């Protein structure tokens, strides 16, 4: 028997023989060492649901307790042992792990709690797709080959950005995506919580943000050039307790949730709720509504002290909910026409001794960089925050290409690489006419697999500023969870391997091997209920006939 193909590919995998195997049975117990309780709970819940086995507690699971005695006879037959090992942590990092499977049992060892959890995810893959179901199937034997696996991630930031502003995803959908991220060893969920089209986070001191800003009267169907509209009211938001639940659920799975509240652009929903936040000397902000269209609204925040105090209040409440080191402030696509026309904004530029509107945006971002730093947090924003000068402690999400990330890293700033030409999963997956509302360049499964997060222009020292990488899912044309599934999978599996595994150069990667391993992985996704894009093209119910997109022809540029 051979091991089930793993995604992401581990650093080392050795099978001991064709006949040696371990069988999970009614007598199997879990021996959880100190500090492993979270993984023990997860493993018993997930494996227990799929197998119907009780997996009761057992005894010692310390790193020194071998699965075999010195005489070679099985110790603790039928036991799954969980342990942390600081020496392994020094060798492989806290996310590193080892999996040892023998006929006598399984030893999962983590360099830290996260590493142990990733070991449990690897063990789950070894058991095959049925282990991902929520109830046991009849007649299943839970048998895996004797193997030894040693593994650790390439990057510390392995993320997915989920836009819940353009189309709201209810809480249970977010929790489901956290499970899907965990199954792929991804460890950051970047939640895009606010935009022109909707405000999705409860702020108790400013209730109108969700009373008024969370709802729009209708939505464009397809790209913004489409003549079709969904005339239903769309909206929703997360209460603060919803978000605390999401954060806690993520933490149990060693995932960090990074909140994004967009400033100073992409703010029409906030201005709708509190019109004085806008540039009232050039626009009738009282008549604005939450934007019903896609694209970039020209309505941006006014550069006033009152607006700064307002958003300090917003961020104060966010910091009580999200313990993440980083807080995302957007900073992208800030159309500065209103500032150019606004006497108040121009007076502000003169008062602050700034050169132009770009420096005014930089002043805005720098304020919150200092404000967050004073509270032990770090600001991160899209690469437009480079314009007018980068705030001292800011990190950059490089989305318009590699260039912003290169500039930031070369100036000593940390970077998360997420270039739209490579890892924007709202972009279409094939050139066929049956792709639903096709957006952007064609980005196939193979294209994503050949993405390289660290550009060659960076020196070894500069490349250490690349914290990791992130795939982004913008939901303008994804009206529900099924559409998000279609755009995200199977490409997220390829992205996960890029983010986790140490791969050769893009043109030297063994895509045929990855494609072979995906055969097993599609069965896992089926068991998880993921409505991914089939290799043969979309199912009829996944198509969106008559809803235009905005396809871009040709190969995307490397910029």
Protein backbone atom coordinates (compact mmCIF):
# COMPACT_ATOMS: atom_id res chain seq x y z
CA UNK A 1 0.00 0.00 0.00
CA UNK A 2 1.25 3.49 -0.84
CA UNK A 3 0.65 6.79 0.91
CA UNK A 4 -2.18 9.00 -0.28
CA UNK A 5 -0.68 11.89 -2.32
CA UNK A 6 -0.20 14.97 -0.16
CA UNK A 7 -0.88 18.65 -0.91
CA UNK A 8 1.12 20.70 -0.08
CA UNK A 9 4.08 18.40 -0.83
CA UNK A 10 6.18 17.76 2.30
CA UNK A 11 9.93 18.25 2.46
CA UNK A 12 10.61 14.59 3.17
CA UNK A 13 8.45 11.47 2.96
CA UNK A 14 9.74 7.92 3.39
CA UNK A 15 7.62 4.75 3.17
CA UNK A 16 8.99 1.80 5.12
CA UNK A 17 7.56 -1.12 3.13
CA UNK A 18 4.70 -2.13 0.87
CA UNK A 19 3.08 -4.22 3.58
CA UNK A 20 3.56 -2.33 6.87
CA UNK A 21 0.55 -0.29 7.84
CA UNK A 22 -1.40 1.16 10.75
CA UNK A 23 -5.13 0.61 11.19
CA UNK A 24 -7.36 3.02 13.04
CA UNK A 25 -9.87 1.00 15.03
CA UNK A 26 -12.25 0.95 17.96
CA UNK A 27 -9.36 0.39 20.34
CA UNK A 28 -7.33 3.35 19.08
CA UNK A 29 -6.72 6.03 21.70
CA UNK A 30 -5.12 9.48 21.69
CA UNK A 31 -2.23 10.20 24.05
CA UNK A 32 -1.94 13.99 24.26
CA UNK A 33 1.19 15.53 25.75
CA UNK A 34 1.40 18.94 27.45
CA UNK A 35 0.35 21.80 25.23
CA UNK A 36 -1.36 19.61 22.63
CA UNK A 37 -4.92 19.89 23.89
CA UNK A 38 -6.18 22.03 21.01
CA UNK A 39 -5.03 19.56 18.36
CA UNK A 40 -6.37 16.68 20.46
CA UNK A 41 -9.82 18.29 20.50
CA UNK A 42 -9.73 18.93 16.77
CA UNK A 43 -8.49 15.46 15.88
CA UNK A 44 -11.05 13.68 18.05
CA UNK A 45 -13.89 15.81 16.67
CA UNK A 46 -12.96 15.52 12.98
CA UNK A 47 -11.72 11.92 12.94
CA UNK A 48 -14.48 10.82 15.29
CA UNK A 49 -17.21 12.30 13.10
CA UNK A 50 -15.87 10.66 9.93
CA UNK A 51 -15.08 7.25 11.43
CA UNK A 52 -17.60 6.87 14.24
CA UNK A 53 -14.72 5.88 16.54
CA UNK A 54 -14.53 7.21 20.13
CA UNK A 55 -10.71 7.80 20.19
CA UNK A 56 -10.57 8.03 23.99
CA UNK A 57 -7.63 9.52 25.92
CA UNK A 58 -4.57 7.34 26.53
CA UNK A 59 -1.36 7.80 28.49
CA UNK A 60 2.10 9.27 27.94
CA UNK A 61 2.88 11.10 24.69
CA UNK A 62 6.18 12.82 25.45
CA UNK A 63 8.66 13.15 22.56
CA UNK A 64 10.91 10.54 24.15
CA UNK A 65 8.20 7.89 24.27
CA UNK A 66 8.75 5.81 21.13
CA UNK A 67 6.09 3.88 19.32
CA UNK A 68 8.41 0.89 19.58
CA UNK A 69 10.36 -0.46 22.53
CA UNK A 70 14.08 -1.11 22.41
CA UNK A 71 13.29 -4.75 21.62
CA UNK A 72 11.31 -3.64 18.56
CA UNK A 73 7.90 -4.65 19.86
CA UNK A 74 4.99 -2.23 19.57
CA UNK A 75 4.43 0.16 22.48
CA UNK A 76 0.92 1.49 23.02
CA UNK A 77 -0.54 -0.38 20.04
CA UNK A 78 -3.35 1.57 18.44
CA UNK A 79 -2.28 4.88 20.01
CA UNK A 80 -2.00 8.25 18.28
CA UNK A 81 0.56 10.23 20.28
CA UNK A 82 0.67 14.03 20.20
CA UNK A 83 3.74 15.88 21.45
CA UNK A 84 5.62 19.15 21.23
CA UNK A 85 9.40 19.12 20.92
CA UNK A 86 11.42 22.31 21.42
CA UNK A 87 14.47 20.78 19.73
CA UNK A 88 12.35 20.14 16.64
CA UNK A 89 11.18 23.73 16.88
CA UNK A 90 14.77 24.93 16.84
CA UNK A 91 15.48 22.73 13.81
CA UNK A 92 12.35 23.27 11.71
CA UNK A 93 10.62 26.25 13.34
CA UNK A 94 7.43 26.29 15.36
CA UNK A 95 5.35 25.33 12.32
CA UNK A 96 7.60 22.37 11.52
CA UNK A 97 6.49 18.83 12.32
CA UNK A 98 7.17 15.12 12.04
CA UNK A 99 4.73 12.28 11.40
CA UNK A 100 5.84 8.73 12.24
CA UNK A 101 3.42 5.94 11.32
CA UNK A 102 4.24 2.35 12.30
CA UNK A 103 2.05 -0.72 12.69
CA UNK A 104 2.02 0.04 16.42
CA UNK A 105 0.64 3.54 16.20
CA UNK A 106 1.18 7.13 15.11
CA UNK A 107 3.46 9.79 16.59
CA UNK A 108 2.70 13.41 15.68
CA UNK A 109 5.37 15.84 16.86
CA UNK A 110 5.29 19.59 16.39
CA UNK A 111 8.00 22.17 16.78
CA UNK A 112 5.20 24.22 18.34
CA UNK A 113 1.42 23.98 18.65
CA UNK A 114 0.93 25.11 15.04
CA UNK A 115 3.37 22.52 13.77
CA UNK A 116 1.51 19.80 15.61
CA UNK A 117 -1.76 20.93 14.06
CA UNK A 118 -0.24 20.80 10.57
CA UNK A 119 0.98 17.28 11.39
CA UNK A 120 -2.63 16.32 12.17
CA UNK A 121 -3.72 17.80 8.83
CA UNK A 122 -1.13 15.65 7.07
CA UNK A 123 -2.33 12.57 8.94
CA UNK A 124 -5.86 13.36 7.82
CA UNK A 125 -4.78 13.42 4.18
CA UNK A 126 -3.06 10.04 4.57
CA UNK A 127 -6.38 8.42 5.50
CA UNK A 128 -8.04 9.33 2.21
CA UNK A 129 -11.07 11.43 1.25
CA UNK A 130 -13.69 9.73 3.44
CA UNK A 131 -11.95 11.09 6.56
CA UNK A 132 -13.21 14.54 5.48
CA UNK A 133 -16.88 13.58 5.77
CA UNK A 134 -19.09 14.55 8.68
CA UNK A 135 -20.50 11.06 9.28
CA UNK A 136 -19.09 7.55 8.77
CA UNK A 137 -19.66 5.60 5.58
CA UNK A 138 -20.36 1.86 5.93
CA UNK A 139 -17.69 -0.77 5.37
CA UNK A 140 -14.67 1.55 5.57
CA UNK A 141 -11.32 0.28 6.89
CA UNK A 142 -9.12 3.11 8.16
CA UNK A 143 -5.68 1.92 7.11
CA UNK A 144 -2.58 3.92 6.16
CA UNK A 145 0.97 2.83 5.23
CA UNK A 146 3.91 3.06 7.60
CA UNK A 147 5.61 6.34 6.72
CA UNK A 148 7.88 8.99 8.14
CA UNK A 149 7.31 12.63 7.15
CA UNK A 150 9.30 15.71 8.07
CA UNK A 151 8.03 19.07 6.97
CA UNK A 152 8.05 22.83 7.53
CA UNK A 153 6.72 25.84 5.61
CA UNK A 154 8.69 28.14 3.34
CA UNK A 155 6.75 31.27 4.34
CA UNK A 156 5.26 32.45 7.61
CA UNK A 157 2.41 34.35 5.88
CA UNK A 158 0.30 32.00 3.74
CA UNK A 159 -2.92 33.85 3.21
CA UNK A 160 -6.27 34.22 1.53
CA UNK A 161 -7.97 37.60 1.21
CA UNK A 162 -11.75 37.25 1.25
CA UNK A 163 -13.82 40.24 0.14
CA UNK A 164 -17.02 40.17 2.18
CA UNK A 165 -17.96 43.75 1.34
CA UNK A 166 -18.97 43.48 -2.32
CA UNK A 167 -21.00 40.38 -1.54
CA UNK A 168 -21.56 39.53 2.09
CA UNK A 169 -20.64 36.04 3.24
CA UNK A 170 -22.57 34.98 6.35
CA UNK A 171 -20.64 33.86 9.41
CA UNK A 172 -21.04 30.12 8.78
CA UNK A 173 -19.48 30.58 5.35
CA UNK A 174 -16.44 32.29 6.87
CA UNK A 175 -16.07 29.49 9.43
CA UNK A 176 -16.25 26.97 6.59
CA UNK A 177 -13.49 28.80 4.73
CA UNK A 178 -11.32 28.73 7.84
CA UNK A 179 -11.62 24.94 7.78
CA UNK A 180 -10.70 24.92 4.09
CA UNK A 181 -7.67 27.13 4.76
CA UNK A 182 -6.56 24.82 7.58
CA UNK A 183 -6.91 21.77 5.33
CA UNK A 184 -4.38 23.44 2.98
CA UNK A 185 -2.01 24.63 5.75
CA UNK A 186 -2.81 28.28 5.07
CA UNK A 187 -2.51 30.44 8.17
CA UNK A 188 -3.84 33.95 7.40
CA UNK A 189 -7.39 35.03 6.60
CA UNK A 190 -7.42 38.66 5.47
CA UNK A 191 -11.01 39.88 5.80
CA UNK A 192 -11.86 42.83 3.56
CA UNK A 193 -14.61 44.24 5.79
CA UNK A 194 -15.41 47.66 4.31
CA UNK A 195 -15.73 49.22 0.89
CA UNK A 196 -17.95 51.50 -1.17
CA UNK A 197 -20.51 48.70 -1.52
CA UNK A 198 -20.95 47.80 2.14
CA UNK A 199 -19.68 48.09 5.73
CA UNK A 200 -19.59 44.67 7.41
CA UNK A 201 -18.34 45.15 10.99
CA UNK A 202 -20.39 46.37 13.95
CA UNK A 203 -18.90 49.48 15.59
CA UNK A 204 -20.88 50.16 18.74
CA UNK A 205 -20.07 53.85 19.01
CA UNK A 206 -21.09 54.42 15.38
CA UNK A 207 -24.23 52.30 14.88
CA UNK A 208 -25.20 53.88 11.55
CA UNK A 209 -22.22 52.20 9.90
CA UNK A 210 -24.22 48.98 9.94
CA UNK A 211 -27.74 50.41 10.17
CA UNK A 212 -27.23 52.35 6.93
CA UNK A 213 -23.81 51.44 5.56
CA UNK A 214 -24.29 47.66 5.48
CA UNK A 215 -27.13 47.68 2.95
CA UNK A 216 -27.44 48.65 -0.70
CA UNK A 217 -30.72 48.79 -2.63
CA UNK A 218 -29.57 46.70 -5.58
CA UNK A 219 -26.46 45.16 -7.17
CA UNK A 220 -24.99 45.10 -10.64
CA UNK A 221 -24.97 41.56 -12.09
CA UNK A 222 -21.71 40.85 -13.86
CA UNK A 223 -19.05 43.42 -14.70
CA UNK A 224 -19.85 47.13 -14.30
CA UNK A 225 -20.62 47.40 -18.03
CA UNK A 226 -23.45 44.88 -17.64
CA UNK A 227 -27.00 46.18 -18.19
CA UNK A 228 -28.39 43.63 -15.72
CA UNK A 229 -29.31 44.33 -12.11
CA UNK A 230 -30.34 42.26 -9.11
CA UNK A 231 -33.05 44.43 -7.65
CA UNK A 232 -32.99 42.73 -4.26
CA UNK A 233 -31.63 44.64 -1.29
CA UNK A 234 -28.21 43.21 -0.44
CA UNK A 235 -26.25 43.42 2.77
CA UNK A 236 -25.39 42.09 6.16
CA UNK A 237 -22.70 42.51 8.77
CA UNK A 238 -20.90 40.70 11.54
CA UNK A 239 -21.64 41.57 15.13
CA UNK A 240 -18.62 41.96 17.34
CA UNK A 241 -19.42 38.61 18.94
CA UNK A 242 -19.63 37.04 15.48
CA UNK A 243 -16.13 38.30 14.80
CA UNK A 244 -14.85 37.12 18.18
CA UNK A 245 -16.20 33.69 17.33
CA UNK A 246 -14.49 33.79 13.92
CA UNK A 247 -11.20 34.86 15.53
CA UNK A 248 -11.41 32.13 18.18
CA UNK A 249 -12.35 29.48 15.62
CA UNK A 250 -9.39 30.56 13.49
CA UNK A 251 -7.01 30.54 16.45
CA UNK A 252 -7.96 26.92 17.22
CA UNK A 253 -6.76 26.18 13.68
CA UNK A 254 -3.62 28.34 14.01
CA UNK A 255 -4.95 30.90 11.55
CA UNK A 256 -4.59 34.64 12.11
CA UNK A 257 -7.48 36.85 11.02
CA UNK A 258 -6.27 40.22 9.69
CA UNK A 259 -9.06 42.81 9.48
CA UNK A 260 -9.16 45.44 6.75
CA UNK A 261 -10.96 48.74 7.06
CA UNK A 262 -10.25 50.78 3.94
CA UNK A 263 -9.06 54.42 4.24
CA UNK A 264 -9.11 57.06 2.82
CA UNK A 265 -10.69 55.71 -0.39
CA UNK A 266 -13.27 52.95 -0.88
CA UNK A 267 -15.29 54.71 1.82
CA UNK A 268 -18.67 55.56 0.29
CA UNK A 269 -20.57 53.20 2.61
CA UNK A 270 -19.09 54.95 5.65
CA UNK A 271 -19.81 58.40 4.18
CA UNK A 272 -23.40 57.31 3.50
CA UNK A 273 -23.80 56.51 7.19
CA UNK A 274 -22.04 59.68 8.43
CA UNK A 275 -22.04 62.26 5.60
CA UNK A 276 -19.64 64.63 7.41
CA UNK A 277 -16.85 62.10 6.83
CA UNK A 278 -16.80 63.14 3.16
CA UNK A 279 -15.60 66.25 1.35
CA UNK A 280 -18.75 68.22 2.01
CA UNK A 281 -17.43 71.42 0.42
CA UNK A 282 -17.44 69.83 -3.05
CA UNK A 283 -20.03 67.05 -2.83
CA UNK A 284 -23.57 66.74 -1.47
CA UNK A 285 -22.74 63.81 0.79
CA UNK A 286 -26.22 63.79 2.34
CA UNK A 287 -27.58 62.40 -0.92
CA UNK A 288 -25.09 59.56 -1.27
CA UNK A 289 -26.13 55.96 -0.81
CA UNK A 290 -24.19 52.77 -0.45
CA UNK A 291 -22.76 52.27 -3.92
CA UNK A 292 -24.63 49.82 -6.11
CA UNK A 293 -22.00 49.59 -8.84
CA UNK A 294 -18.53 48.06 -9.07
CA UNK A 295 -15.26 49.82 -9.74
CA UNK A 296 -13.81 52.73 -7.75
CA UNK A 297 -15.96 55.47 -6.27
CA UNK A 298 -14.60 59.02 -6.23
CA UNK A 299 -16.11 59.63 -2.78
CA UNK A 300 -13.25 59.57 -0.29
CA UNK A 301 -12.71 60.69 3.28
CA UNK A 302 -12.05 64.32 4.14
CA UNK A 303 -8.55 64.97 5.55
CA UNK A 304 -9.79 66.46 8.84
CA UNK A 305 -8.98 65.91 12.49
CA UNK A 306 -12.61 64.90 13.06
CA UNK A 307 -12.29 62.09 10.50
CA UNK A 308 -9.07 60.90 12.14
CA UNK A 309 -10.80 60.77 15.53
CA UNK A 310 -13.72 58.86 14.01
CA UNK A 311 -11.48 56.17 12.56
CA UNK A 312 -9.40 55.98 15.72
CA UNK A 313 -12.67 55.03 17.39
CA UNK A 314 -13.30 52.39 14.71
CA UNK A 315 -9.83 50.93 15.13
CA UNK A 316 -10.08 50.99 18.93
CA UNK A 317 -13.04 48.64 18.73
CA UNK A 318 -11.33 46.48 16.10
CA UNK A 319 -8.25 46.05 18.28
CA UNK A 320 -10.45 44.68 21.05
CA UNK A 321 -11.69 41.97 18.68
CA UNK A 322 -8.67 41.12 16.53
CA UNK A 323 -5.39 40.25 18.31
CA UNK A 324 -3.44 40.13 15.03
CA UNK A 325 -0.10 41.91 14.84
CA UNK A 326 -1.13 43.49 11.54
CA UNK A 327 -4.15 45.67 10.83
CA UNK A 328 -4.90 46.40 7.17
CA UNK A 329 -5.95 49.94 6.27
CA UNK A 330 -6.42 49.50 2.52
CA UNK A 331 -5.02 52.72 1.08
CA UNK A 332 -5.61 51.61 -2.51
CA UNK A 333 -7.33 53.26 -5.46
CA UNK A 334 -7.87 56.56 -3.69
CA UNK A 335 -9.23 58.85 -6.40
CA UNK A 336 -8.03 62.29 -5.32
CA UNK A 337 -10.20 64.47 -7.57
CA UNK A 338 -12.33 65.68 -4.65
CA UNK A 339 -9.22 66.69 -2.68
CA UNK A 340 -7.99 68.62 -5.74
CA UNK A 341 -11.29 70.53 -5.91
CA UNK A 342 -11.80 70.91 -2.16
CA UNK A 343 -10.72 74.26 -0.67
CA UNK A 344 -10.59 72.56 2.76
CA UNK A 345 -8.30 69.78 1.50
CA UNK A 346 -6.05 72.27 -0.27
CA UNK A 347 -5.83 74.35 2.90
CA UNK A 348 -4.90 71.19 4.77
CA UNK A 349 -2.08 70.48 2.30
CA UNK A 350 -0.70 74.01 2.85
CA UNK A 351 -1.11 73.81 6.62
CA UNK A 352 0.83 70.54 6.80
CA UNK A 353 3.52 71.75 4.40
CA UNK A 354 2.81 68.95 1.93
CA UNK A 355 3.59 68.95 -1.78
CA UNK A 356 0.42 67.43 -3.22
CA UNK A 357 -2.52 65.09 -2.76
CA UNK A 358 -0.29 61.99 -2.79
CA UNK A 359 1.55 63.34 0.22
CA UNK A 360 -1.82 64.11 1.83
CA UNK A 361 -2.75 60.43 1.51
CA UNK A 362 0.66 59.53 2.94
CA UNK A 363 -0.04 61.87 5.88
CA UNK A 364 -3.34 60.04 6.45
CA UNK A 365 -1.65 56.62 6.43
CA UNK A 366 1.32 57.77 8.52
CA UNK A 367 -1.07 58.96 11.21
CA UNK A 368 -2.53 55.50 11.61
CA UNK A 369 0.89 53.88 11.33
CA UNK A 370 1.95 55.82 14.43
CA UNK A 371 -1.40 55.29 16.11
CA UNK A 372 -1.28 51.52 15.64
CA UNK A 373 2.40 51.31 16.59
CA UNK A 374 1.60 53.08 19.85
CA UNK A 375 -0.77 50.22 20.65
CA UNK A 376 1.64 47.44 19.75
CA UNK A 377 0.26 46.76 16.28
CA UNK A 378 1.58 47.14 12.75
CA UNK A 379 -0.05 48.78 9.76
CA UNK A 380 -0.23 47.02 6.42
CA UNK A 381 -1.77 48.46 3.26
CA UNK A 382 -2.01 47.96 -0.49
CA UNK A 383 0.98 49.15 -2.48
CA UNK A 384 -0.51 52.59 -3.23
CA UNK A 385 0.59 53.55 0.29
CA UNK A 386 4.06 53.91 -1.26
CA UNK A 387 2.83 57.02 -3.09
CA UNK A 388 3.86 60.18 -1.30
CA UNK A 389 6.26 58.29 0.97
CA UNK A 390 5.86 55.07 2.93
CA UNK A 391 5.04 55.26 6.63
CA UNK A 392 7.96 54.24 8.82
CA UNK A 393 6.67 50.94 10.19
CA UNK A 394 4.25 50.02 7.40
CA UNK A 395 4.19 46.73 5.53
CA UNK A 396 2.94 46.46 1.95
CA UNK A 397 0.50 44.11 0.23
CA UNK A 398 1.93 44.21 -3.28
CA UNK A 399 -1.09 43.78 -5.58
CA UNK A 400 -0.45 45.77 -8.77
CA UNK A 401 2.51 43.53 -9.57
CA UNK A 402 5.89 42.85 -8.03
CA UNK A 403 7.13 46.44 -8.34
CA UNK A 404 5.57 47.79 -5.15
CA UNK A 405 6.85 44.86 -3.15
CA UNK A 406 10.33 45.21 -4.62
CA UNK A 407 10.44 48.92 -3.78
CA UNK A 408 9.20 48.29 -0.25
CA UNK A 409 11.61 45.41 0.45
CA UNK A 410 14.56 47.34 -0.97
CA UNK A 411 13.75 50.18 1.43
CA UNK A 412 13.61 47.81 4.40
CA UNK A 413 9.84 47.30 4.67
CA UNK A 414 8.06 43.97 5.00
CA UNK A 415 5.99 42.72 2.08
CA UNK A 416 3.20 40.24 1.35
CA UNK A 417 3.30 39.34 -2.35
CA UNK A 418 -0.14 39.10 -3.99
CA UNK A 419 0.23 40.37 -7.58
CA UNK A 420 -3.06 40.49 -9.45
CA UNK A 421 -1.44 39.09 -12.59
CA UNK A 422 -0.68 35.86 -10.72
CA UNK A 423 -2.92 35.21 -7.71
CA UNK A 424 -6.15 37.17 -8.09
CA UNK A 425 -8.59 34.29 -8.04
CA UNK A 426 -11.48 36.38 -9.36
CA UNK A 427 -9.62 36.24 -12.69
CA UNK A 428 -10.95 33.64 -15.08
CA UNK A 429 -9.62 30.08 -15.14
CA UNK A 430 -9.90 29.42 -18.89
CA UNK A 431 -10.55 31.24 -22.15
CA UNK A 432 -13.81 29.45 -22.93
CA UNK A 433 -17.05 31.33 -23.48
CA UNK A 434 -18.73 29.29 -20.74
CA UNK A 435 -16.62 30.77 -17.94
CA UNK A 436 -19.01 32.66 -15.63
CA UNK A 437 -18.69 36.47 -15.90
CA UNK A 438 -15.05 36.17 -16.98
CA UNK A 439 -12.77 38.75 -15.37
CA UNK A 440 -9.14 39.54 -16.13
CA UNK A 441 -6.41 37.33 -17.49
CA UNK A 442 -6.64 33.58 -17.79
CA UNK A 443 -5.00 32.09 -14.69
CA UNK A 444 -5.08 28.31 -14.87
CA UNK A 445 -4.25 25.82 -12.16
CA UNK A 446 -0.81 25.44 -13.73
CA UNK A 447 -0.29 29.21 -13.89
CA UNK A 448 -0.90 29.50 -10.16
CA UNK A 449 1.36 26.51 -9.49
CA UNK A 450 4.19 28.28 -11.32
CA UNK A 451 3.80 31.54 -9.36
CA UNK A 452 6.97 32.59 -7.54
CA UNK A 453 6.47 35.01 -4.63
CA UNK A 454 10.09 36.22 -4.37
CA UNK A 455 11.21 38.19 -7.46
CA UNK A 456 14.80 37.77 -8.64
CA UNK A 457 15.46 41.51 -8.30
CA UNK A 458 15.71 41.13 -4.53
CA UNK A 459 18.99 40.29 -2.82
CA UNK A 460 19.06 37.57 -0.20
CA UNK A 461 18.85 40.16 2.58
CA UNK A 462 16.01 42.03 0.85
CA UNK A 463 14.08 38.82 0.20
CA UNK A 464 13.87 38.25 3.94
CA UNK A 465 11.40 41.14 3.97
CA UNK A 466 8.97 38.99 1.97
CA UNK A 467 6.80 37.74 4.83
CA UNK A 468 4.95 35.47 2.46
CA UNK A 469 2.20 35.47 -0.08
CA UNK A 470 -1.54 35.70 -0.39
CA UNK A 471 -4.24 34.85 -2.92
CA UNK A 472 -7.04 37.40 -3.23
CA UNK A 473 -10.73 36.74 -3.85
CA UNK A 474 -12.67 39.86 -4.86
CA UNK A 475 -16.38 39.13 -4.98
CA UNK A 476 -17.97 41.67 -7.34
CA UNK A 477 -19.13 38.84 -9.62
CA UNK A 478 -19.38 36.19 -6.88
CA UNK A 479 -22.84 36.57 -5.42
CA UNK A 480 -22.79 33.53 -3.15
CA UNK A 481 -20.67 30.78 -1.64
CA UNK A 482 -20.97 28.53 -4.69
CA UNK A 483 -19.43 31.21 -6.91
CA UNK A 484 -16.66 31.81 -4.39
CA UNK A 485 -15.92 28.07 -4.36
CA UNK A 486 -15.79 27.98 -8.16
CA UNK A 487 -13.31 30.83 -8.43
CA UNK A 488 -11.17 29.78 -5.49
CA UNK A 489 -10.82 26.05 -6.08
CA UNK A 490 -8.92 24.12 -7.25
CA UNK A 491 -6.44 26.98 -7.68
CA UNK A 492 -6.12 27.55 -3.94
CA UNK A 493 -4.57 24.07 -3.66
CA UNK A 494 -1.84 25.07 -6.12
CA UNK A 495 -1.33 28.35 -4.27
CA UNK A 496 -1.08 26.51 -0.94
CA UNK A 497 1.77 24.39 -2.26
CA UNK A 498 3.56 27.49 -3.56
CA UNK A 499 3.18 29.16 -0.15
CA UNK A 500 4.19 26.11 1.92
CA UNK A 501 6.62 23.97 -0.06
CA UNK A 502 10.15 24.84 -1.10
CA UNK A 503 9.79 24.43 -4.86
CA UNK A 504 12.31 24.78 -7.69
CA UNK A 505 12.18 27.68 -10.14
CA UNK A 506 8.77 28.05 -11.84
CA UNK A 507 9.85 26.55 -15.17
CA UNK A 508 11.40 23.57 -13.38
CA UNK A 509 8.40 22.62 -11.25
CA UNK A 510 6.93 19.18 -11.81
CA UNK A 511 3.38 20.14 -12.70
CA UNK A 512 2.62 16.62 -13.94
CA UNK A 513 3.34 15.30 -10.44
CA UNK A 514 1.17 17.99 -8.88
CA UNK A 515 -1.63 17.20 -11.33
CA UNK A 516 -1.37 13.52 -10.37
CA UNK A 517 -1.62 14.38 -6.66
CA UNK A 518 -4.62 16.61 -7.42
CA UNK A 519 -6.53 13.52 -8.55
CA UNK A 520 -6.66 12.42 -4.92
CA UNK A 521 -7.22 15.97 -3.74
CA UNK A 522 -10.33 16.47 -5.87
CA UNK A 523 -11.87 13.57 -3.94
CA UNK A 524 -11.07 15.37 -0.68
CA UNK A 525 -12.71 18.55 -1.99
CA UNK A 526 -15.75 16.50 -3.02
CA UNK A 527 -16.02 15.10 0.51
CA UNK A 528 -15.75 18.62 1.91
CA UNK A 529 -18.56 19.82 -0.37
CA UNK A 530 -16.39 22.28 -2.30
CA UNK A 531 -17.96 23.23 -5.65
CA UNK A 532 -14.68 23.70 -7.51
CA UNK A 533 -14.23 24.20 -11.23
CA UNK A 534 -13.93 20.77 -12.91
CA UNK A 535 -10.92 20.21 -15.14
CA UNK A 536 -13.30 19.80 -18.09
CA UNK A 537 -14.93 23.18 -17.53
CA UNK A 538 -17.87 24.54 -15.56
CA UNK A 539 -20.98 22.51 -14.89
CA UNK A 540 -24.11 24.01 -16.47
CA UNK A 541 -25.22 25.38 -13.10
CA UNK A 542 -21.82 27.07 -12.64
CA UNK A 543 -22.18 29.10 -15.82
CA UNK A 544 -23.68 32.59 -15.97
CA UNK A 545 -24.97 32.98 -19.54
CA UNK A 546 -25.69 36.55 -20.53
CA UNK A 547 -23.81 38.16 -17.63
CA UNK A 548 -20.78 39.90 -19.14
CA UNK A 549 -17.37 40.04 -17.53
CA UNK A 550 -14.24 41.96 -18.44
CA UNK A 551 -11.75 39.48 -19.90
CA UNK A 552 -8.23 40.66 -20.70
CA UNK A 553 -6.60 38.84 -23.57
CA UNK A 554 -3.01 37.68 -23.78
CA UNK A 555 -0.42 36.79 -21.20
CA UNK A 556 -0.37 39.03 -18.11
CA UNK A 557 2.66 41.29 -17.84
CA UNK A 558 5.30 40.81 -15.17
CA UNK A 559 5.45 44.23 -13.55
